[in-house]
Amino acid sequence: IASYGADTARWFMLSDSPPDRDVIWTAAGVEGAYRFVQRIWRLVSEAAPALKGAPPVAATEGEAAAISKAVHKTLKAVGEDIERLSFNKAVAHIYELTNELSGPLGAIESAPSGERSALREGIEVLVTMVAPMMPHLAEECWAAIGGVGLVAERAWPAFNPQLVVDDEVVLPVQINGKKRGDLTIRRDADQLAIQEAALALDFVQKALGGKPPRKVVVVPQRIVNVVA
């Protein structure tokens, strides 16, 4: 604690093992936790001037929507992990979100207003999620972005159900019962659209050899089977 601080020690212990297993203390693990603490602070403090003037609003369309989707999916996952006391899984999800946000935050000065608002919300959610695990870092970050009061007094944010559902699904495509590839298509596509998209795939056309299929079986959101 004297060398790295209480937040680093707490973060390492929560990230290392599930609660039913003993923590194996390693210098490399603590160093990694300390680097993450510094990374969070660097991301927030450098982006803070641009974040202060932006309202925290989730985006539902455009490139900014990808940011908001990542934020709300992580918020949902971390909340569920904490309820199950799976703190190491919650930490892993927070690592993933930090990676997602780091690129857009690095270019925030040139970002449009909608993306800035999505990033502002993302940082507020990120800081709130790490607060139970790294309270000192969280309060410093909260103050840096101009947060009102203490983040410890803030209610746990609610995720938007519409932002945690993927717009697209990946369907395995079989030819005569054997998988040959995948089809990525909108989740709400009807059977005819799925069938047409599957038949347009290169490996399907090659297997058919210019002939029409004998049958195409579509199980929505599950699988496509082309009978040649």
C-alpha atoms as a PDB file:
ATOM      1  CA  ILE A   1       0.000   0.000   0.000  1.00  0.00           C
ATOM      2  CA  ALA A   2       2.860   2.379   0.784  1.00  0.00           C
ATOM      3  CA  SER A   3       4.333   1.813  -2.685  1.00  0.00           C
ATOM      4  CA  TYR A   4       1.231   1.663  -4.888  1.00  0.00           C
ATOM      5  CA  GLY A   5      -1.722   2.944  -2.856  1.00  0.00           C
ATOM      6  CA  ALA A   6      -4.864   1.322  -1.482  1.00  0.00           C
ATOM      7  CA  ASP A   7      -6.753   1.551  -4.786  1.00  0.00           C
ATOM      8  CA  THR A   8      -4.102  -0.486  -6.587  1.00  0.00           C
ATOM      9  CA  ALA A   9      -4.061  -3.140  -3.866  1.00  0.00           C
ATOM     10  CA  ARG A  10      -7.846  -3.391  -3.854  1.00  0.00           C
ATOM     11  CA  TRP A  11      -8.069  -3.535  -7.663  1.00  0.00           C
ATOM     12  CA  PHE A  12      -5.448  -6.272  -7.868  1.00  0.00           C
ATOM     13  CA  MET A  13      -7.133  -8.434  -5.236  1.00  0.00           C
ATOM     14  CA  LEU A  14     -10.538  -8.119  -6.900  1.00  0.00           C
ATOM     15  CA  SER A  15      -9.172  -8.795 -10.375  1.00  0.00           C
ATOM     16  CA  ASP A  16      -6.956 -11.740  -9.492  1.00  0.00           C
ATOM     17  CA  SER A  17      -9.402 -14.408  -8.353  1.00  0.00           C
ATOM     18  CA  PRO A  18     -13.076 -15.128  -7.662  1.00  0.00           C
ATOM     19  CA  PRO A  19     -14.040 -14.666  -3.987  1.00  0.00           C
ATOM     20  CA  ASP A  20     -13.976 -18.398  -3.232  1.00  0.00           C
ATOM     21  CA  ARG A  21     -10.266 -18.692  -4.061  1.00  0.00           C
ATOM     22  CA  ASP A  22      -7.160 -17.364  -2.344  1.00  0.00           C
ATOM     23  CA  VAL A  23      -5.376 -14.391  -3.895  1.00  0.00           C
ATOM     24  CA  ILE A  24      -1.866 -15.118  -5.116  1.00  0.00           C
ATOM     25  CA  TRP A  25       0.056 -11.897  -4.570  1.00  0.00           C
ATOM     26  CA  THR A  26       2.596 -11.229  -7.320  1.00  0.00           C
ATOM     27  CA  ALA A  27       4.741  -8.201  -8.065  1.00  0.00           C
ATOM     28  CA  ALA A  28       3.837  -8.405 -11.759  1.00  0.00           C
ATOM     29  CA  GLY A  29       0.128  -8.445 -10.948  1.00  0.00           C
ATOM     30  CA  VAL A  30       0.376  -5.415  -8.691  1.00  0.00           C
ATOM     31  CA  GLU A  31       2.428  -3.561 -11.304  1.00  0.00           C
ATOM     32  CA  GLY A  32      -0.272  -4.286 -13.868  1.00  0.00           C
ATOM     33  CA  ALA A  33      -2.993  -3.005 -11.547  1.00  0.00           C
ATOM     34  CA  TYR A  34      -0.966   0.141 -10.857  1.00  0.00           C
ATOM     35  CA  ARG A  35      -0.530   0.787 -14.584  1.00  0.00           C
ATOM     36  CA  PHE A  36      -4.281   0.514 -15.046  1.00  0.00           C
ATOM     37  CA  VAL A  37      -4.906   3.035 -12.264  1.00  0.00           C
ATOM     38  CA  GLN A  38      -2.542   5.441 -14.011  1.00  0.00           C
ATOM     39  CA  ARG A  39      -4.164   4.751 -17.370  1.00  0.00           C
ATOM     40  CA  ILE A  40      -7.643   5.595 -16.093  1.00  0.00           C
ATOM     41  CA  TRP A  41      -6.399   8.830 -14.572  1.00  0.00           C
ATOM     42  CA  ARG A  42      -4.524   9.787 -17.737  1.00  0.00           C
ATOM     43  CA  LEU A  43      -7.532   9.119 -19.995  1.00  0.00           C
ATOM     44  CA  VAL A  44      -9.901  11.104 -17.793  1.00  0.00           C
ATOM     45  CA  SER A  45      -7.620  14.020 -16.949  1.00  0.00           C
ATOM     46  CA  GLU A  46      -6.523  14.573 -20.551  1.00  0.00           C
ATOM     47  CA  ALA A  47     -10.089  14.470 -21.889  1.00  0.00           C
ATOM     48  CA  ALA A  48     -11.607  16.428 -18.982  1.00  0.00           C
ATOM     49  CA  PRO A  49     -11.449  19.914 -20.590  1.00  0.00           C
ATOM     50  CA  ALA A  50     -13.462  18.698 -23.596  1.00  0.00           C
ATOM     51  CA  LEU A  51     -15.832  16.627 -21.461  1.00  0.00           C
ATOM     52  CA  LYS A  52     -16.826  19.391 -19.058  1.00  0.00           C
ATOM     53  CA  GLY A  53     -19.021  21.211 -21.544  1.00  0.00           C
ATOM     54  CA  ALA A  54     -20.771  18.124 -22.914  1.00  0.00           C
ATOM     55  CA  PRO A  55     -24.055  16.776 -21.512  1.00  0.00           C
ATOM     56  CA  PRO A  56     -24.010  13.032 -20.736  1.00  0.00           C
ATOM     57  CA  VAL A  57     -26.360  11.683 -23.410  1.00  0.00           C
ATOM     58  CA  ALA A  58     -26.343   8.219 -24.978  1.00  0.00           C
ATOM     59  CA  ALA A  59     -26.282   8.037 -28.775  1.00  0.00           C
ATOM     60  CA  THR A  60     -28.652   5.756 -30.667  1.00  0.00           C
ATOM     61  CA  GLU A  61     -27.375   6.250 -34.206  1.00  0.00           C
ATOM     62  CA  GLY A  62     -24.208   7.039 -36.110  1.00  0.00           C
ATOM     63  CA  GLU A  63     -20.669   6.244 -35.002  1.00  0.00           C
ATOM     64  CA  ALA A  64     -21.367   7.525 -31.494  1.00  0.00           C
ATOM     65  CA  ALA A  65     -23.951   4.761 -31.047  1.00  0.00           C
ATOM     66  CA  ALA A  66     -21.144   2.192 -30.965  1.00  0.00           C
ATOM     67  CA  ILE A  67     -19.693   4.000 -27.946  1.00  0.00           C
ATOM     68  CA  SER A  68     -23.021   4.066 -26.120  1.00  0.00           C
ATOM     69  CA  LYS A  69     -23.696   0.414 -26.905  1.00  0.00           C
ATOM     70  CA  ALA A  70     -20.337  -0.590 -25.432  1.00  0.00           C
ATOM     71  CA  VAL A  71     -20.990   1.545 -22.346  1.00  0.00           C
ATOM     72  CA  HIS A  72     -24.466   0.180 -21.646  1.00  0.00           C
ATOM     73  CA  LYS A  73     -23.531  -3.445 -22.354  1.00  0.00           C
ATOM     74  CA  THR A  74     -20.660  -3.113 -19.896  1.00  0.00           C
ATOM     75  CA  LEU A  75     -22.869  -1.396 -17.330  1.00  0.00           C
ATOM     76  CA  LYS A  76     -25.344  -4.274 -17.510  1.00  0.00           C
ATOM     77  CA  ALA A  77     -22.618  -6.924 -17.303  1.00  0.00           C
ATOM     78  CA  VAL A  78     -20.762  -5.284 -14.406  1.00  0.00           C
ATOM     79  CA  GLY A  79     -23.964  -4.822 -12.422  1.00  0.00           C
ATOM     80  CA  GLU A  80     -24.804  -8.504 -12.851  1.00  0.00           C
ATOM     81  CA  ASP A  81     -21.244  -9.551 -11.982  1.00  0.00           C
ATOM     82  CA  ILE A  82     -21.256  -7.518  -8.765  1.00  0.00           C
ATOM     83  CA  GLU A  83     -24.620  -8.988  -7.755  1.00  0.00           C
ATOM     84  CA  ARG A  84     -23.085 -12.464  -8.165  1.00  0.00           C
ATOM     85  CA  LEU A  85     -19.907 -11.381  -6.325  1.00  0.00           C
ATOM     86  CA  SER A  86     -17.959 -12.165  -9.516  1.00  0.00           C
ATOM     87  CA  PHE A  87     -15.684  -9.183  -9.045  1.00  0.00           C
ATOM     88  CA  ASN A  88     -12.915 -10.559 -11.266  1.00  0.00           C
ATOM     89  CA  LYS A  89     -15.384 -10.752 -14.164  1.00  0.00           C
ATOM     90  CA  ALA A  90     -16.577  -7.208 -13.458  1.00  0.00           C
ATOM     91  CA  VAL A  91     -12.966  -6.036 -13.573  1.00  0.00           C
ATOM     92  CA  ALA A  92     -12.449  -7.807 -16.911  1.00  0.00           C
ATOM     93  CA  HIS A  93     -15.471  -6.022 -18.395  1.00  0.00           C
ATOM     94  CA  ILE A  94     -14.163  -2.673 -17.142  1.00  0.00           C
ATOM     95  CA  TYR A  95     -10.814  -3.368 -18.820  1.00  0.00           C
ATOM     96  CA  GLU A  96     -12.644  -4.025 -22.093  1.00  0.00           C
ATOM     97  CA  LEU A  97     -14.669  -0.818 -21.875  1.00  0.00           C
ATOM     98  CA  THR A  98     -11.546   1.208 -21.121  1.00  0.00           C
ATOM     99  CA  ASN A  99      -9.981  -0.162 -24.295  1.00  0.00           C
ATOM    100  CA  GLU A 100     -13.135   0.744 -26.246  1.00  0.00           C
ATOM    101  CA  LEU A 101     -13.135   4.323 -24.945  1.00  0.00           C
ATOM    102  CA  SER A 102      -9.417   5.051 -25.207  1.00  0.00           C
ATOM    103  CA  GLY A 103      -9.393   5.625 -28.980  1.00  0.00           C
ATOM    104  CA  PRO A 104     -12.367   8.027 -29.153  1.00  0.00           C
ATOM    105  CA  LEU A 105     -11.170   9.846 -26.025  1.00  0.00           C
ATOM    106  CA  GLY A 106      -7.801  10.432 -27.655  1.00  0.00           C
ATOM    107  CA  ALA A 107      -9.534  12.213 -30.539  1.00  0.00           C
ATOM    108  CA  ILE A 108     -12.191  14.004 -28.499  1.00  0.00           C
ATOM    109  CA  GLU A 109     -10.992  17.497 -29.443  1.00  0.00           C
ATOM    110  CA  SER A 110     -12.174  16.943 -33.023  1.00  0.00           C
ATOM    111  CA  ALA A 111     -15.223  14.835 -32.145  1.00  0.00           C
ATOM    112  CA  PRO A 112     -18.735  16.087 -33.033  1.00  0.00           C
ATOM    113  CA  SER A 113     -21.073  17.085 -30.227  1.00  0.00           C
ATOM    114  CA  GLY A 114     -23.026  13.816 -30.276  1.00  0.00           C
ATOM    115  CA  GLU A 115     -19.878  11.773 -29.806  1.00  0.00           C
ATOM    116  CA  ARG A 116     -18.668  14.070 -27.023  1.00  0.00           C
ATOM    117  CA  SER A 117     -21.949  13.578 -25.189  1.00  0.00           C
ATOM    118  CA  ALA A 118     -21.691   9.803 -25.606  1.00  0.00           C
ATOM    119  CA  LEU A 119     -18.124   9.905 -24.279  1.00  0.00           C
ATOM    120  CA  ARG A 120     -19.163  12.103 -21.356  1.00  0.00           C
ATOM    121  CA  GLU A 121     -21.802   9.562 -20.401  1.00  0.00           C
ATOM    122  CA  GLY A 122     -19.289   6.761 -20.917  1.00  0.00           C
ATOM    123  CA  ILE A 123     -16.741   8.327 -18.584  1.00  0.00           C
ATOM    124  CA  GLU A 124     -19.382   9.011 -15.935  1.00  0.00           C
ATOM    125  CA  VAL A 125     -20.459   5.366 -16.099  1.00  0.00           C
ATOM    126  CA  LEU A 126     -16.851   4.134 -16.036  1.00  0.00           C
ATOM    127  CA  VAL A 127     -15.994   6.251 -12.997  1.00  0.00           C
ATOM    128  CA  THR A 128     -19.158   5.111 -11.214  1.00  0.00           C
ATOM    129  CA  MET A 129     -18.369   1.446 -11.896  1.00  0.00           C
ATOM    130  CA  VAL A 130     -14.818   1.662 -10.540  1.00  0.00           C
ATOM    131  CA  ALA A 131     -15.870   3.711  -7.493  1.00  0.00           C
ATOM    132  CA  PRO A 132     -16.694   0.716  -5.233  1.00  0.00           C
ATOM    133  CA  MET A 133     -13.309  -0.820  -6.076  1.00  0.00           C
ATOM    134  CA  MET A 134     -11.067   2.246  -6.389  1.00  0.00           C
ATOM    135  CA  PRO A 135     -12.846   5.015  -4.464  1.00  0.00           C
ATOM    136  CA  HIS A 136      -9.908   7.424  -4.256  1.00  0.00           C
ATOM    137  CA  LEU A 137      -9.249   7.323  -8.008  1.00  0.00           C
ATOM    138  CA  ALA A 138     -12.965   7.591  -8.754  1.00  0.00           C
ATOM    139  CA  GLU A 139     -13.402  10.749  -6.677  1.00  0.00           C
ATOM    140  CA  GLU A 140     -10.382  12.396  -8.315  1.00  0.00           C
ATOM    141  CA  CYS A 141     -11.737  11.539 -11.770  1.00  0.00           C
ATOM    142  CA  TRP A 142     -15.220  12.730 -10.824  1.00  0.00           C
ATOM    143  CA  ALA A 143     -13.851  16.073  -9.685  1.00  0.00           C
ATOM    144  CA  ALA A 144     -11.718  16.385 -12.841  1.00  0.00           C
ATOM    145  CA  ILE A 145     -14.757  16.158 -15.141  1.00  0.00           C
ATOM    146  CA  GLY A 146     -16.740  18.604 -13.015  1.00  0.00           C
ATOM    147  CA  GLY A 147     -19.021  16.065 -11.377  1.00  0.00           C
ATOM    148  CA  VAL A 148     -21.399  17.404  -8.742  1.00  0.00           C
ATOM    149  CA  GLY A 149     -20.889  16.169  -5.187  1.00  0.00           C
ATOM    150  CA  LEU A 150     -19.241  12.816  -4.548  1.00  0.00           C
ATOM    151  CA  VAL A 151     -19.439   9.902  -6.941  1.00  0.00           C
ATOM    152  CA  ALA A 152     -19.878   7.668  -3.874  1.00  0.00           C
ATOM    153  CA  GLU A 153     -23.237   9.372  -3.290  1.00  0.00           C
ATOM    154  CA  ARG A 154     -24.376   8.873  -6.872  1.00  0.00           C
ATOM    155  CA  ALA A 155     -27.013   6.254  -7.604  1.00  0.00           C
ATOM    156  CA  TRP A 156     -25.902   3.288  -9.680  1.00  0.00           C
ATOM    157  CA  PRO A 157     -26.821   4.179 -13.288  1.00  0.00           C
ATOM    158  CA  ALA A 158     -29.437   2.183 -15.179  1.00  0.00           C
ATOM    159  CA  PHE A 159     -28.600   0.673 -18.554  1.00  0.00           C
ATOM    160  CA  ASN A 160     -30.756   1.344 -21.597  1.00  0.00           C
ATOM    161  CA  PRO A 161     -32.339  -1.977 -22.701  1.00  0.00           C
ATOM    162  CA  GLN A 162     -32.354  -0.836 -26.334  1.00  0.00           C
ATOM    163  CA  LEU A 163     -28.592  -0.330 -26.292  1.00  0.00           C
ATOM    164  CA  VAL A 164     -27.692  -3.776 -24.960  1.00  0.00           C
ATOM    165  CA  VAL A 165     -29.348  -5.668 -27.828  1.00  0.00           C
ATOM    166  CA  ASP A 166     -27.238  -6.285 -30.923  1.00  0.00           C
ATOM    167  CA  ASP A 167     -28.745  -5.042 -34.186  1.00  0.00           C
ATOM    168  CA  GLU A 168     -27.124  -7.890 -36.098  1.00  0.00           C
ATOM    169  CA  VAL A 169     -26.829 -11.627 -35.625  1.00  0.00           C
ATOM    170  CA  VAL A 170     -24.324 -14.098 -37.036  1.00  0.00           C
ATOM    171  CA  LEU A 171     -25.989 -17.211 -38.431  1.00  0.00           C
ATOM    172  CA  PRO A 172     -24.063 -20.372 -39.300  1.00  0.00           C
ATOM    173  CA  VAL A 173     -24.719 -21.422 -42.888  1.00  0.00           C
ATOM    174  CA  GLN A 174     -24.785 -25.111 -43.709  1.00  0.00           C
ATOM    175  CA  ILE A 175     -24.707 -26.772 -47.106  1.00  0.00           C
ATOM    176  CA  ASN A 176     -26.271 -30.216 -47.063  1.00  0.00           C
ATOM    177  CA  GLY A 177     -26.021 -30.286 -43.285  1.00  0.00           C
ATOM    178  CA  LYS A 178     -22.350 -29.245 -42.983  1.00  0.00           C
ATOM    179  CA  LYS A 179     -21.318 -25.783 -41.872  1.00  0.00           C
ATOM    180  CA  ARG A 180     -19.478 -23.864 -44.584  1.00  0.00           C
ATOM    181  CA  GLY A 181     -19.475 -20.322 -43.218  1.00  0.00           C
ATOM    182  CA  ASP A 182     -21.432 -17.569 -41.498  1.00  0.00           C
ATOM    183  CA  LEU A 183     -23.948 -14.916 -42.462  1.00  0.00           C
ATOM    184  CA  THR A 184     -24.127 -11.570 -40.662  1.00  0.00           C
ATOM    185  CA  ILE A 185     -27.539  -9.963 -41.029  1.00  0.00           C
ATOM    186  CA  ARG A 186     -29.903  -7.633 -39.210  1.00  0.00           C
ATOM    187  CA  ARG A 187     -31.640  -9.251 -36.261  1.00  0.00           C
ATOM    188  CA  ASP A 188     -35.088  -8.243 -37.539  1.00  0.00           C
ATOM    189  CA  ALA A 189     -34.578  -9.623 -41.070  1.00  0.00           C
ATOM    190  CA  ASP A 190     -37.422 -11.855 -42.255  1.00  0.00           C
ATOM    191  CA  GLN A 191     -36.975 -15.365 -43.650  1.00  0.00           C
ATOM    192  CA  LEU A 192     -37.009 -14.232 -47.279  1.00  0.00           C
ATOM    193  CA  ALA A 193     -34.275 -11.645 -46.661  1.00  0.00           C
ATOM    194  CA  ILE A 194     -32.167 -14.232 -44.814  1.00  0.00           C
ATOM    195  CA  GLN A 195     -32.628 -16.745 -47.615  1.00  0.00           C
ATOM    196  CA  GLU A 196     -31.653 -14.239 -50.315  1.00  0.00           C
ATOM    197  CA  ALA A 197     -28.593 -13.100 -48.353  1.00  0.00           C
ATOM    198  CA  ALA A 198     -27.478 -16.687 -47.759  1.00  0.00           C
ATOM    199  CA  LEU A 199     -27.826 -17.621 -51.435  1.00  0.00           C
ATOM    200  CA  ALA A 200     -25.750 -14.572 -52.385  1.00  0.00           C
ATOM    201  CA  LEU A 201     -22.745 -15.768 -50.350  1.00  0.00           C
ATOM    202  CA  ASP A 202     -19.764 -16.758 -52.501  1.00  0.00           C
ATOM    203  CA  PHE A 203     -19.264 -20.171 -50.927  1.00  0.00           C
ATOM    204  CA  VAL A 204     -22.961 -20.979 -51.358  1.00  0.00           C
ATOM    205  CA  GLN A 205     -22.959 -19.974 -55.023  1.00  0.00           C
ATOM    206  CA  LYS A 206     -19.833 -22.043 -55.590  1.00  0.00           C
ATOM    207  CA  ALA A 207     -21.441 -25.084 -53.977  1.00  0.00           C
ATOM    208  CA  LEU A 208     -24.596 -24.683 -56.070  1.00  0.00           C
ATOM    209  CA  GLY A 209     -22.607 -24.383 -59.298  1.00  0.00           C
ATOM    210  CA  GLY A 210     -25.156 -22.124 -60.936  1.00  0.00           C
ATOM    211  CA  LYS A 211     -28.091 -24.408 -60.139  1.00  0.00           C
ATOM    212  CA  PRO A 212     -31.018 -23.441 -57.899  1.00  0.00           C
ATOM    213  CA  PRO A 213     -31.069 -25.008 -54.435  1.00  0.00           C
ATOM    214  CA  ARG A 214     -33.422 -27.884 -53.812  1.00  0.00           C
ATOM    215  CA  LYS A 215     -34.419 -26.332 -50.510  1.00  0.00           C
ATOM    216  CA  VAL A 216     -33.395 -23.577 -48.081  1.00  0.00           C
ATOM    217  CA  VAL A 217     -34.240 -24.073 -44.419  1.00  0.00           C
ATOM    218  CA  VAL A 218     -34.126 -20.933 -42.272  1.00  0.00           C
ATOM    219  CA  VAL A 219     -34.423 -21.105 -38.503  1.00  0.00           C
ATOM    220  CA  PRO A 220     -34.637 -17.403 -37.493  1.00  0.00           C
ATOM    221  CA  GLN A 221     -31.700 -16.240 -35.347  1.00  0.00           C
ATOM    222  CA  ARG A 222     -30.366 -19.815 -35.278  1.00  0.00           C
ATOM    223  CA  ILE A 223     -29.159 -21.343 -38.555  1.00  0.00           C
ATOM    224  CA  VAL A 224     -29.506 -21.542 -42.354  1.00  0.00           C
ATOM    225  CA  ASN A 225     -29.242 -24.847 -44.225  1.00  0.00           C
ATOM    226  CA  VAL A 226     -28.995 -24.903 -48.014  1.00  0.00           C
ATOM    227  CA  VAL A 227     -29.811 -28.218 -49.658  1.00  0.00           C
ATOM    228  CA  ALA A 228     -27.973 -28.368 -52.989  1.00  0.00           C
END
